Amino acid sequence: MADYLYIVQMDIPADKEADFNRIYDTQHVPNILTVPGVESCTRFKLESADVDGVPTYLALYAIDSPDTPQSAAWVAESDKGDWASQIRPHTSNRTHLIFKRVG
């Protein structure tokens, strides 16, 4: 079991949503899963919230170290495929959080 969770949240315009999900699932996640220290990735879409402004999409990465998302391998894999050119420029309301497992 990973000691850390890296949580990435973001919004995407409705007209880009189909490409966002296709590229995220078929390119971005498989690329990131090759990075040493990345154990898994699970994605979610917001169903409800009790506050305004919560990003619509969430990716939950199980990682071995809080440094993994800033590693050269992560950056290289994140820039592969269509993600960097066709999706990243259209994302907004992004958050990046790292949690350490307790107990």
Protein backbone atom coordinates (compact mmCIF):
# COMPACT_ATOMS: atom_id res chain seq x y z
CA MET A 1 0.00 0.00 0.00
CA ALA A 2 1.30 3.43 -0.94
CA ASP A 3 2.21 5.84 1.83
CA TYR A 4 0.96 8.89 -0.06
CA LEU A 5 -1.99 10.03 -2.14
CA TYR A 6 -1.52 12.64 -4.82
CA ILE A 7 -4.85 14.27 -5.62
CA VAL A 8 -5.31 16.30 -8.78
CA GLN A 9 -8.57 18.13 -9.38
CA MET A 10 -9.62 20.22 -12.38
CA ASP A 11 -12.36 21.49 -14.61
CA ILE A 12 -12.59 21.19 -18.39
CA PRO A 13 -14.99 22.99 -20.76
CA ALA A 14 -17.97 20.88 -21.82
CA ASP A 15 -16.91 20.90 -25.48
CA LYS A 16 -13.55 19.31 -24.51
CA GLU A 17 -14.92 16.78 -22.02
CA ALA A 18 -15.09 13.77 -24.37
CA ASP A 19 -11.49 14.29 -25.53
CA PHE A 20 -10.40 14.95 -21.95
CA ASN A 21 -11.76 11.62 -20.74
CA ARG A 22 -10.51 9.65 -23.75
CA ILE A 23 -6.98 11.07 -23.59
CA TYR A 24 -6.82 10.86 -19.79
CA ASP A 25 -7.85 7.18 -19.80
CA THR A 26 -5.98 5.94 -22.89
CA GLN A 27 -2.80 8.04 -22.79
CA HIS A 28 -2.20 10.10 -19.66
CA VAL A 29 -2.94 7.52 -16.96
CA PRO A 30 -1.10 4.65 -18.73
CA ASN A 31 1.92 6.93 -19.17
CA ILE A 32 1.94 8.04 -15.52
CA LEU A 33 1.59 4.45 -14.31
CA THR A 34 5.03 3.71 -15.82
CA VAL A 35 6.67 6.24 -13.47
CA PRO A 36 8.65 4.59 -10.66
CA GLY A 37 6.81 5.05 -7.38
CA VAL A 38 3.31 5.28 -8.89
CA GLU A 39 1.16 2.37 -7.74
CA SER A 40 -2.26 3.25 -9.15
CA CYS A 41 -4.60 5.91 -10.43
CA THR A 42 -8.36 6.14 -9.99
CA ARG A 43 -10.45 8.90 -11.54
CA PHE A 44 -13.74 10.39 -10.39
CA LYS A 45 -16.31 12.94 -11.58
CA LEU A 46 -18.06 15.12 -9.02
CA GLU A 47 -21.66 14.19 -8.27
CA SER A 48 -22.43 16.69 -5.52
CA ALA A 49 -20.77 19.17 -3.17
CA ASP A 50 -21.78 21.26 -0.18
CA VAL A 51 -19.57 24.18 -1.27
CA ASP A 52 -19.21 26.12 -4.50
CA GLY A 53 -16.16 25.97 -6.74
CA VAL A 54 -15.17 22.33 -6.30
CA PRO A 55 -13.46 21.04 -9.46
CA THR A 56 -15.48 18.54 -11.51
CA TYR A 57 -12.77 15.91 -12.04
CA LEU A 58 -10.45 14.23 -9.56
CA ALA A 59 -7.56 11.85 -10.13
CA LEU A 60 -6.31 9.92 -7.10
CA TYR A 61 -2.75 8.62 -7.50
CA ALA A 62 -1.26 6.20 -4.95
CA ILE A 63 2.44 7.09 -4.76
CA ASP A 64 5.43 5.96 -2.72
CA SER A 65 6.97 9.39 -2.09
CA PRO A 66 5.74 12.99 -1.97
CA ASP A 67 8.51 13.80 -4.46
CA THR A 68 7.16 11.48 -7.17
CA PRO A 69 4.93 14.04 -8.96
CA GLN A 70 7.89 16.42 -9.36
CA SER A 71 10.29 13.73 -10.59
CA ALA A 72 11.86 13.92 -14.04
CA ALA A 73 10.10 10.67 -14.97
CA TRP A 74 6.67 12.05 -14.00
CA VAL A 75 7.24 15.29 -15.91
CA ALA A 76 8.41 13.39 -19.00
CA GLU A 77 5.46 11.01 -18.98
CA SER A 78 3.00 13.82 -18.28
CA ASP A 79 4.16 15.64 -21.40
CA LYS A 80 3.73 12.63 -23.71
CA GLY A 81 0.86 12.12 -26.11
CA ASP A 82 -1.97 14.57 -26.62
CA TRP A 83 -2.34 15.58 -22.98
CA ALA A 84 0.11 18.50 -22.97
CA SER A 85 -0.98 20.02 -26.27
CA GLN A 86 -4.70 19.25 -26.53
CA ILE A 87 -5.96 19.03 -22.94
CA ARG A 88 -3.75 20.79 -20.40
CA PRO A 89 -4.25 24.28 -21.97
CA HIS A 90 -8.01 23.91 -21.52
CA THR A 91 -8.02 22.84 -17.87
CA SER A 92 -8.87 25.28 -15.09
CA ASN A 93 -9.56 25.39 -11.37
CA ARG A 94 -6.69 22.94 -10.82
CA THR A 95 -5.59 21.76 -7.40
CA HIS A 96 -2.69 19.48 -6.48
CA LEU A 97 -2.66 17.93 -3.01
CA ILE A 98 -0.45 15.32 -1.34
CA PHE A 99 -1.66 13.40 1.70
CA LYS A 100 0.40 11.08 3.87
CA ARG A 101 -1.22 7.92 5.21
CA VAL A 102 -1.70 7.88 8.97
CA GLY A 103 -2.58 5.10 11.35
